[in-house]
PDB file of N, CA and C in Angstrom:
ATOM      1  N   UNK A   1      56.647 -24.543  37.822  1.00  0.00           N
ATOM      2  CA  UNK A   1      55.394 -23.730  37.799  1.00  0.00           C
ATOM      3  C   UNK A   1      55.667 -22.700  38.880  1.00  0.00           C
ATOM      4  N   UNK A   2      55.305 -21.544  38.571  1.00  0.00           N
ATOM      5  CA  UNK A   2      55.259 -20.438  39.515  1.00  0.00           C
ATOM      6  C   UNK A   2      54.738 -20.315  40.823  1.00  0.00           C
ATOM      7  N   UNK A   3      55.735 -20.006  41.510  1.00  0.00           N
ATOM      8  CA  UNK A   3      54.918 -19.545  43.273  1.00  0.00           C
ATOM      9  C   UNK A   3      53.560 -18.963  42.848  1.00  0.00           C
ATOM     10  N   UNK A   4      52.509 -19.686  43.802  1.00  0.00           N
ATOM     11  CA  UNK A   4      51.451 -18.805  43.555  1.00  0.00           C
ATOM     12  C   UNK A   4      50.301 -18.940  42.367  1.00  0.00           C
ATOM     13  N   UNK A   5      50.745 -19.921  41.333  1.00  0.00           N
ATOM     14  CA  UNK A   5      50.111 -20.549  40.313  1.00  0.00           C
ATOM     15  C   UNK A   5      48.620 -21.437  40.962  1.00  0.00           C
ATOM     16  N   UNK A   6      48.987 -22.173  41.801  1.00  0.00           N
ATOM     17  CA  UNK A   6      48.002 -23.146  42.018  1.00  0.00           C
ATOM     18  C   UNK A   6      46.604 -22.188  43.015  1.00  0.00           C
ATOM     19  N   UNK A   7      46.880 -21.409  43.766  1.00  0.00           N
ATOM     20  CA  UNK A   7      45.887 -20.875  44.430  1.00  0.00           C
ATOM     21  C   UNK A   7      45.302 -19.973  43.452  1.00  0.00           C
ATOM     22  N   UNK A   8      46.363 -19.139  42.407  1.00  0.00           N
ATOM     23  CA  UNK A   8      45.269 -18.465  42.034  1.00  0.00           C
ATOM     24  C   UNK A   8      44.081 -19.012  40.630  1.00  0.00           C
ATOM     25  N   UNK A   9      45.197 -20.526  40.356  1.00  0.00           N
ATOM     26  CA  UNK A   9      43.901 -21.267  39.829  1.00  0.00           C
ATOM     27  C   UNK A   9      42.485 -21.412  40.170  1.00  0.00           C
ATOM     28  N   UNK A  10      42.581 -21.586  41.305  1.00  0.00           N
ATOM     29  CA  UNK A  10      41.875 -22.118  42.337  1.00  0.00           C
ATOM     30  C   UNK A  10      41.134 -20.981  42.256  1.00  0.00           C
ATOM     31  N   UNK A  11      41.208 -19.779  42.433  1.00  0.00           N
ATOM     32  CA  UNK A  11      40.138 -18.453  42.748  1.00  0.00           C
ATOM     33  C   UNK A  11      39.690 -18.366  41.504  1.00  0.00           C
ATOM     34  N   UNK A  12      40.353 -18.731  40.131  1.00  0.00           N
ATOM     35  CA  UNK A  12      39.591 -18.424  38.795  1.00  0.00           C
ATOM     36  C   UNK A  12      38.608 -19.544  38.806  1.00  0.00           C
ATOM     37  N   UNK A  13      38.917 -20.659  39.166  1.00  0.00           N
ATOM     38  CA  UNK A  13      37.819 -22.203  39.265  1.00  0.00           C
ATOM     39  C   UNK A  13      36.621 -21.541  39.956  1.00  0.00           C
ATOM     40  N   UNK A  14      36.820 -21.038  41.107  1.00  0.00           N
ATOM     41  CA  UNK A  14      35.554 -20.813  42.275  1.00  0.00           C
ATOM     42  C   UNK A  14      35.233 -19.767  41.800  1.00  0.00           C
ATOM     43  N   UNK A  15      35.697 -18.797  41.415  1.00  0.00           N
ATOM     44  CA  UNK A  15      35.316 -17.315  40.712  1.00  0.00           C
ATOM     45  C   UNK A  15      34.237 -17.920  39.586  1.00  0.00           C
ATOM     46  N   UNK A  16      34.634 -18.648  38.776  1.00  0.00           N
ATOM     47  CA  UNK A  16      33.501 -19.385  37.608  1.00  0.00           C
ATOM     48  C   UNK A  16      32.266 -20.264  38.239  1.00  0.00           C
ATOM     49  N   UNK A  17      32.966 -21.021  38.959  1.00  0.00           N
ATOM     50  CA  UNK A  17      31.694 -21.759  40.052  1.00  0.00           C
ATOM     51  C   UNK A  17      30.593 -20.632  40.082  1.00  0.00           C
ATOM     52  N   UNK A  18      30.894 -19.978  40.818  1.00  0.00           N
ATOM     53  CA  UNK A  18      30.166 -18.836  41.412  1.00  0.00           C
ATOM     54  C   UNK A  18      29.128 -18.203  40.445  1.00  0.00           C
ATOM     55  N   UNK A  19      29.979 -17.487  39.455  1.00  0.00           N
ATOM     56  CA  UNK A  19      29.314 -16.906  38.409  1.00  0.00           C
ATOM     57  C   UNK A  19      28.273 -17.881  37.485  1.00  0.00           C
ATOM     58  N   UNK A  20      28.616 -19.385  37.392  1.00  0.00           N
ATOM     59  CA  UNK A  20      27.814 -19.934  36.604  1.00  0.00           C
ATOM     60  C   UNK A  20      26.451 -20.321  37.572  1.00  0.00           C
ATOM     61  N   UNK A  21      26.811 -20.281  38.934  1.00  0.00           N
ATOM     62  CA  UNK A  21      25.866 -20.432  39.733  1.00  0.00           C
ATOM     63  C   UNK A  21      24.836 -19.033  40.025  1.00  0.00           C
ATOM     64  N   UNK A  22      25.157 -18.025  40.037  1.00  0.00           N
ATOM     65  CA  UNK A  22      24.541 -16.570  39.941  1.00  0.00           C
ATOM     66  C   UNK A  22      23.729 -16.393  39.005  1.00  0.00           C
ATOM     67  N   UNK A  23      24.377 -16.902  37.565  1.00  0.00           N
ATOM     68  CA  UNK A  23      23.726 -16.912  36.109  1.00  0.00           C
ATOM     69  C   UNK A  23      22.724 -17.959  36.074  1.00  0.00           C
ATOM     70  N   UNK A  24      22.696 -19.070  36.670  1.00  0.00           N
ATOM     71  CA  UNK A  24      21.451 -20.063  36.555  1.00  0.00           C
ATOM     72  C   UNK A  24      20.604 -19.318  37.573  1.00  0.00           C
ATOM     73  N   UNK A  25      20.659 -18.944  38.752  1.00  0.00           N
ATOM     74  CA  UNK A  25      19.970 -17.990  39.884  1.00  0.00           C
ATOM     75  C   UNK A  25      19.083 -17.238  38.781  1.00  0.00           C
ATOM     76  N   UNK A  26      19.956 -16.268  38.347  1.00  0.00           N
ATOM     77  CA  UNK A  26      18.966 -15.187  37.687  1.00  0.00           C
ATOM     78  C   UNK A  26      18.524 -15.445  36.411  1.00  0.00           C
ATOM     79  N   UNK A  27      18.748 -16.764  36.293  1.00  0.00           N
ATOM     80  CA  UNK A  27      17.517 -17.150  34.631  1.00  0.00           C
ATOM     81  C   UNK A  27      16.745 -18.098  35.341  1.00  0.00           C
ATOM     82  N   UNK A  28      16.799 -18.214  36.493  1.00  0.00           N
ATOM     83  CA  UNK A  28      15.435 -19.507  37.270  1.00  0.00           C
ATOM     84  C   UNK A  28      14.003 -19.022  36.507  1.00  0.00           C
ATOM     85  N   UNK A  29      13.806 -18.121  36.436  1.00  0.00           N
ATOM     86  CA  UNK A  29      12.510 -17.921  35.288  1.00  0.00           C
ATOM     87  C   UNK A  29      12.517 -17.957  34.180  1.00  0.00           C
ATOM     88  N   UNK A  30      13.370 -17.830  33.484  1.00  0.00           N
ATOM     89  CA  UNK A  30      13.426 -17.861  31.693  1.00  0.00           C
ATOM     90  C   UNK A  30      12.928 -19.306  31.412  1.00  0.00           C
ATOM     91  N   UNK A  31      11.862 -18.770  30.657  1.00  0.00           N
ATOM     92  CA  UNK A  31      11.550 -19.877  29.716  1.00  0.00           C
ATOM     93  C   UNK A  31      12.692 -20.817  28.449  1.00  0.00           C
ATOM     94  N   UNK A  32      12.901 -22.301  28.718  1.00  0.00           N
ATOM     95  CA  UNK A  32      13.686 -23.165  28.202  1.00  0.00           C
ATOM     96  C   UNK A  32      15.146 -22.636  28.236  1.00  0.00           C
ATOM     97  N   UNK A  33      15.326 -21.804  29.545  1.00  0.00           N
ATOM     98  CA  UNK A  33      17.082 -21.818  29.506  1.00  0.00           C
ATOM     99  C   UNK A  33      17.837 -22.706  29.593  1.00  0.00           C
ATOM    100  N   UNK A  34      17.668 -23.717  30.381  1.00  0.00           N
ATOM    101  CA  UNK A  34      18.245 -25.131  30.532  1.00  0.00           C
ATOM    102  C   UNK A  34      17.378 -26.506  30.307  1.00  0.00           C
ATOM    103  N   UNK A  35      18.067 -27.578  30.036  1.00  0.00           N
ATOM    104  CA  UNK A  35      17.023 -28.444  29.791  1.00  0.00           C
ATOM    105  C   UNK A  35      16.964 -29.328  31.042  1.00  0.00           C
ATOM    106  N   UNK A  36      17.724 -29.351  32.171  1.00  0.00           N
ATOM    107  CA  UNK A  36      17.205 -29.428  33.347  1.00  0.00           C
ATOM    108  C   UNK A  36      16.611 -28.030  34.192  1.00  0.00           C
ATOM    109  N   UNK A  37      15.738 -28.263  34.848  1.00  0.00           N
ATOM    110  CA  UNK A  37      15.339 -27.274  36.039  1.00  0.00           C
ATOM    111  C   UNK A  37      16.086 -26.763  36.678  1.00  0.00           C
ATOM    112  N   UNK A  38      16.435 -25.242  37.225  1.00  0.00           N
ATOM    113  CA  UNK A  38      17.243 -24.770  37.882  1.00  0.00           C
ATOM    114  C   UNK A  38      16.955 -25.091  39.340  1.00  0.00           C
ATOM    115  N   UNK A  39      17.531 -25.669  39.960  1.00  0.00           N
ATOM    116  CA  UNK A  39      17.299 -25.783  41.703  1.00  0.00           C
ATOM    117  C   UNK A  39      17.479 -24.879  42.198  1.00  0.00           C
ATOM    118  N   UNK A  40      17.212 -23.890  43.313  1.00  0.00           N
ATOM    119  CA  UNK A  40      18.126 -23.424  43.789  1.00  0.00           C
ATOM    120  C   UNK A  40      18.442 -23.712  45.093  1.00  0.00           C
ATOM    121  N   UNK A  41      17.937 -25.009  45.146  1.00  0.00           N
ATOM    122  CA  UNK A  41      18.396 -25.732  46.939  1.00  0.00           C
ATOM    123  C   UNK A  41      19.920 -26.251  46.427  1.00  0.00           C
ATOM    124  N   UNK A  42      20.308 -26.018  45.073  1.00  0.00           N
ATOM    125  CA  UNK A  42      21.714 -26.779  44.706  1.00  0.00           C
ATOM    126  C   UNK A  42      22.463 -25.727  44.452  1.00  0.00           C
ATOM    127  N   UNK A  43      21.908 -24.344  43.731  1.00  0.00           N
ATOM    128  CA  UNK A  43      22.469 -23.370  43.330  1.00  0.00           C
ATOM    129  C   UNK A  43      23.049 -22.394  44.324  1.00  0.00           C
ATOM    130  N   UNK A  44      22.040 -22.349  45.250  1.00  0.00           N
ATOM    131  CA  UNK A  44      22.473 -21.472  46.534  1.00  0.00           C
ATOM    132  C   UNK A  44      23.873 -21.886  47.223  1.00  0.00           C
ATOM    133  N   UNK A  45      23.978 -23.238  47.691  1.00  0.00           N
ATOM    134  CA  UNK A  45      24.885 -23.940  48.339  1.00  0.00           C
ATOM    135  C   UNK A  45      26.035 -23.835  47.939  1.00  0.00           C
ATOM    136  N   UNK A  46      26.010 -24.035  45.783  1.00  0.00           N
ATOM    137  CA  UNK A  46      27.158 -23.780  45.320  1.00  0.00           C
ATOM    138  C   UNK A  46      27.492 -22.581  45.217  1.00  0.00           C
ATOM    139  N   UNK A  47      27.146 -21.640  45.343  1.00  0.00           N
ATOM    140  CA  UNK A  47      27.501 -20.326  45.219  1.00  0.00           C
ATOM    141  C   UNK A  47      28.294 -20.205  46.903  1.00  0.00           C
ATOM    142  N   UNK A  48      27.969 -21.024  48.133  1.00  0.00           N
ATOM    143  CA  UNK A  48      28.281 -20.532  48.965  1.00  0.00           C
ATOM    144  C   UNK A  48      29.850 -21.238  49.024  1.00  0.00           C
ATOM    145  N   UNK A  49      29.982 -22.518  48.785  1.00  0.00           N
ATOM    146  CA  UNK A  49      30.814 -23.441  48.602  1.00  0.00           C
ATOM    147  C   UNK A  49      31.945 -22.620  47.589  1.00  0.00           C
ATOM    148  N   UNK A  50      31.652 -22.150  46.350  1.00  0.00           N
ATOM    149  CA  UNK A  50      32.959 -21.515  45.810  1.00  0.00           C
ATOM    150  C   UNK A  50      32.854 -20.192  46.352  1.00  0.00           C
ATOM    151  N   UNK A  51      32.510 -19.255  47.087  1.00  0.00           N
ATOM    152  CA  UNK A  51      32.911 -18.038  47.676  1.00  0.00           C
ATOM    153  C   UNK A  51      34.112 -18.532  49.004  1.00  0.00           C
ATOM    154  N   UNK A  52      33.646 -19.730  49.946  1.00  0.00           N
ATOM    155  CA  UNK A  52      34.683 -20.555  50.670  1.00  0.00           C
ATOM    156  C   UNK A  52      35.848 -20.751  50.014  1.00  0.00           C
ATOM    157  N   UNK A  53      35.287 -21.433  48.675  1.00  0.00           N
ATOM    158  CA  UNK A  53      36.636 -21.896  48.150  1.00  0.00           C
ATOM    159  C   UNK A  53      37.709 -20.435  47.809  1.00  0.00           C
ATOM    160  N   UNK A  54      37.074 -19.530  47.330  1.00  0.00           N
ATOM    161  CA  UNK A  54      37.811 -18.648  46.900  1.00  0.00           C
ATOM    162  C   UNK A  54      38.569 -17.670  48.010  1.00  0.00           C
ATOM    163  N   UNK A  55      37.805 -17.890  48.989  1.00  0.00           N
ATOM    164  CA  UNK A  55      38.372 -16.905  50.233  1.00  0.00           C
ATOM    165  C   UNK A  55      39.744 -17.596  50.698  1.00  0.00           C
ATOM    166  N   UNK A  56      39.627 -19.425  50.895  1.00  0.00           N
ATOM    167  CA  UNK A  56      40.394 -19.931  50.874  1.00  0.00           C
ATOM    168  C   UNK A  56      41.896 -20.062  50.414  1.00  0.00           C
ATOM    169  N   UNK A  57      41.814 -19.737  48.821  1.00  0.00           N
ATOM    170  CA  UNK A  57      42.678 -19.522  48.143  1.00  0.00           C
ATOM    171  C   UNK A  57      43.461 -18.385  47.877  1.00  0.00           C
ATOM    172  N   UNK A  58      42.413 -17.544  48.256  1.00  0.00           N
ATOM    173  CA  UNK A  58      43.112 -15.986  48.600  1.00  0.00           C
ATOM    174  C   UNK A  58      44.077 -16.199  49.963  1.00  0.00           C
ATOM    175  N   UNK A  59      43.635 -16.762  51.070  1.00  0.00           N
ATOM    176  CA  UNK A  59      44.531 -16.702  52.250  1.00  0.00           C
ATOM    177  C   UNK A  59      45.961 -17.621  51.854  1.00  0.00           C
ATOM    178  N   UNK A  60      45.523 -18.429  51.053  1.00  0.00           N
ATOM    179  CA  UNK A  60      46.815 -19.424  50.544  1.00  0.00           C
ATOM    180  C   UNK A  60      47.996 -18.378  49.769  1.00  0.00           C
ATOM    181  N   UNK A  61      47.713 -17.744  48.878  1.00  0.00           N
ATOM    182  CA  UNK A  61      48.205 -16.831  48.023  1.00  0.00           C
ATOM    183  C   UNK A  61      48.539 -15.604  49.451  1.00  0.00           C
ATOM    184  N   UNK A  62      48.205 -15.222  49.849  1.00  0.00           N
ATOM    185  CA  UNK A  62      48.572 -14.281  50.999  1.00  0.00           C
ATOM    186  C   UNK A  62      49.760 -14.680  51.760  1.00  0.00           C
ATOM    187  N   UNK A  63      49.510 -15.950  52.270  1.00  0.00           N
ATOM    188  CA  UNK A  63      50.512 -16.557  52.865  1.00  0.00           C
ATOM    189  C   UNK A  63      52.010 -16.638  52.187  1.00  0.00           C
ATOM    190  N   UNK A  64      51.846 -17.254  51.342  1.00  0.00           N
ATOM    191  CA  UNK A  64      52.763 -17.514  50.199  1.00  0.00           C
ATOM    192  C   UNK A  64      53.320 -16.216  49.696  1.00  0.00           C
ATOM    193  N   UNK A  65      53.037 -14.934  49.828  1.00  0.00           N
ATOM    194  CA  UNK A  65      53.346 -13.935  49.621  1.00  0.00           C
ATOM    195  C   UNK A  65      54.270 -13.514  50.707  1.00  0.00           C
ATOM    196  N   UNK A  66      53.666 -13.533  51.601  1.00  0.00           N
ATOM    197  CA  UNK A  66      54.040 -13.159  53.401  1.00  0.00           C
ATOM    198  C   UNK A  66      55.427 -14.353  53.728  1.00  0.00           C
ATOM    199  N   UNK A  67      55.279 -15.128  53.031  1.00  0.00           N
ATOM    200  CA  UNK A  67      56.412 -16.190  53.274  1.00  0.00           C
ATOM    201  C   UNK A  67      57.732 -15.678  52.227  1.00  0.00           C
ATOM    202  N   UNK A  68      57.764 -15.496  50.964  1.00  0.00           N
ATOM    203  CA  UNK A  68      58.077 -14.573  50.225  1.00  0.00           C
ATOM    204  C   UNK A  68      59.459 -13.559  50.728  1.00  0.00           C
ATOM    205  N   UNK A  69      58.415 -12.630  51.394  1.00  0.00           N
ATOM    206  CA  UNK A  69      58.759 -11.705  51.727  1.00  0.00           C
ATOM    207  C   UNK A  69      59.583 -12.157  52.991  1.00  0.00           C
ATOM    208  N   UNK A  70      59.503 -12.807  53.554  1.00  0.00           N
ATOM    209  CA  UNK A  70      60.332 -12.720  54.627  1.00  0.00           C
ATOM    210  C   UNK A  70      61.328 -13.510  54.215  1.00  0.00           C
ATOM    211  N   UNK A  71      61.178 -14.654  53.373  1.00  0.00           N
ATOM    212  CA  UNK A  71      62.497 -15.307  53.032  1.00  0.00           C
ATOM    213  C   UNK A  71      63.625 -13.871  52.273  1.00  0.00           C
ATOM    214  N   UNK A  72      62.827 -13.247  51.477  1.00  0.00           N
ATOM    215  CA  UNK A  72      63.730 -11.844  50.743  1.00  0.00           C
ATOM    216  C   UNK A  72      64.530 -11.358  52.024  1.00  0.00           C
ATOM    217  N   UNK A  73      63.699 -10.856  53.011  1.00  0.00           N
ATOM    218  CA  UNK A  73      64.134 -10.059  54.038  1.00  0.00           C
ATOM    219  C   UNK A  73      65.587 -10.727  54.755  1.00  0.00           C
ATOM    220  N   UNK A  74      65.494 -12.368  54.867  1.00  0.00           N
ATOM    221  CA  UNK A  74      66.011 -12.943  55.636  1.00  0.00           C
ATOM    222  C   UNK A  74      67.697 -12.982  54.719  1.00  0.00           C
ATOM    223  N   UNK A  75      67.313 -13.283  53.284  1.00  0.00           N
ATOM    224  CA  UNK A  75      68.210 -13.419  52.464  1.00  0.00           C
ATOM    225  C   UNK A  75      69.116 -11.633  51.901  1.00  0.00           C
ATOM    226  N   UNK A  76      67.966 -10.991  52.508  1.00  0.00           N
ATOM    227  CA  UNK A  76      68.821  -9.525  52.300  1.00  0.00           C
ATOM    228  C   UNK A  76      69.384  -9.308  51.242  1.00  0.00           C
TER     229      UNK A  76
END
């Protein structure tokens, strides 16, 4: 496994979740869009959770980058 691959995968997953929720919200009034009606009370919190998950994974990736840079500086 490459360093940084796990947070990148998490960022991609959260971006997909955000996009899916945004798509559902955009199509809330589209007739026959989904088998189940779109519940805004579920989609908006899903977008918030996805946003926070993306941010957390981005921070992990940033810390990994900083640690790698520090290690390279130490090893010279």
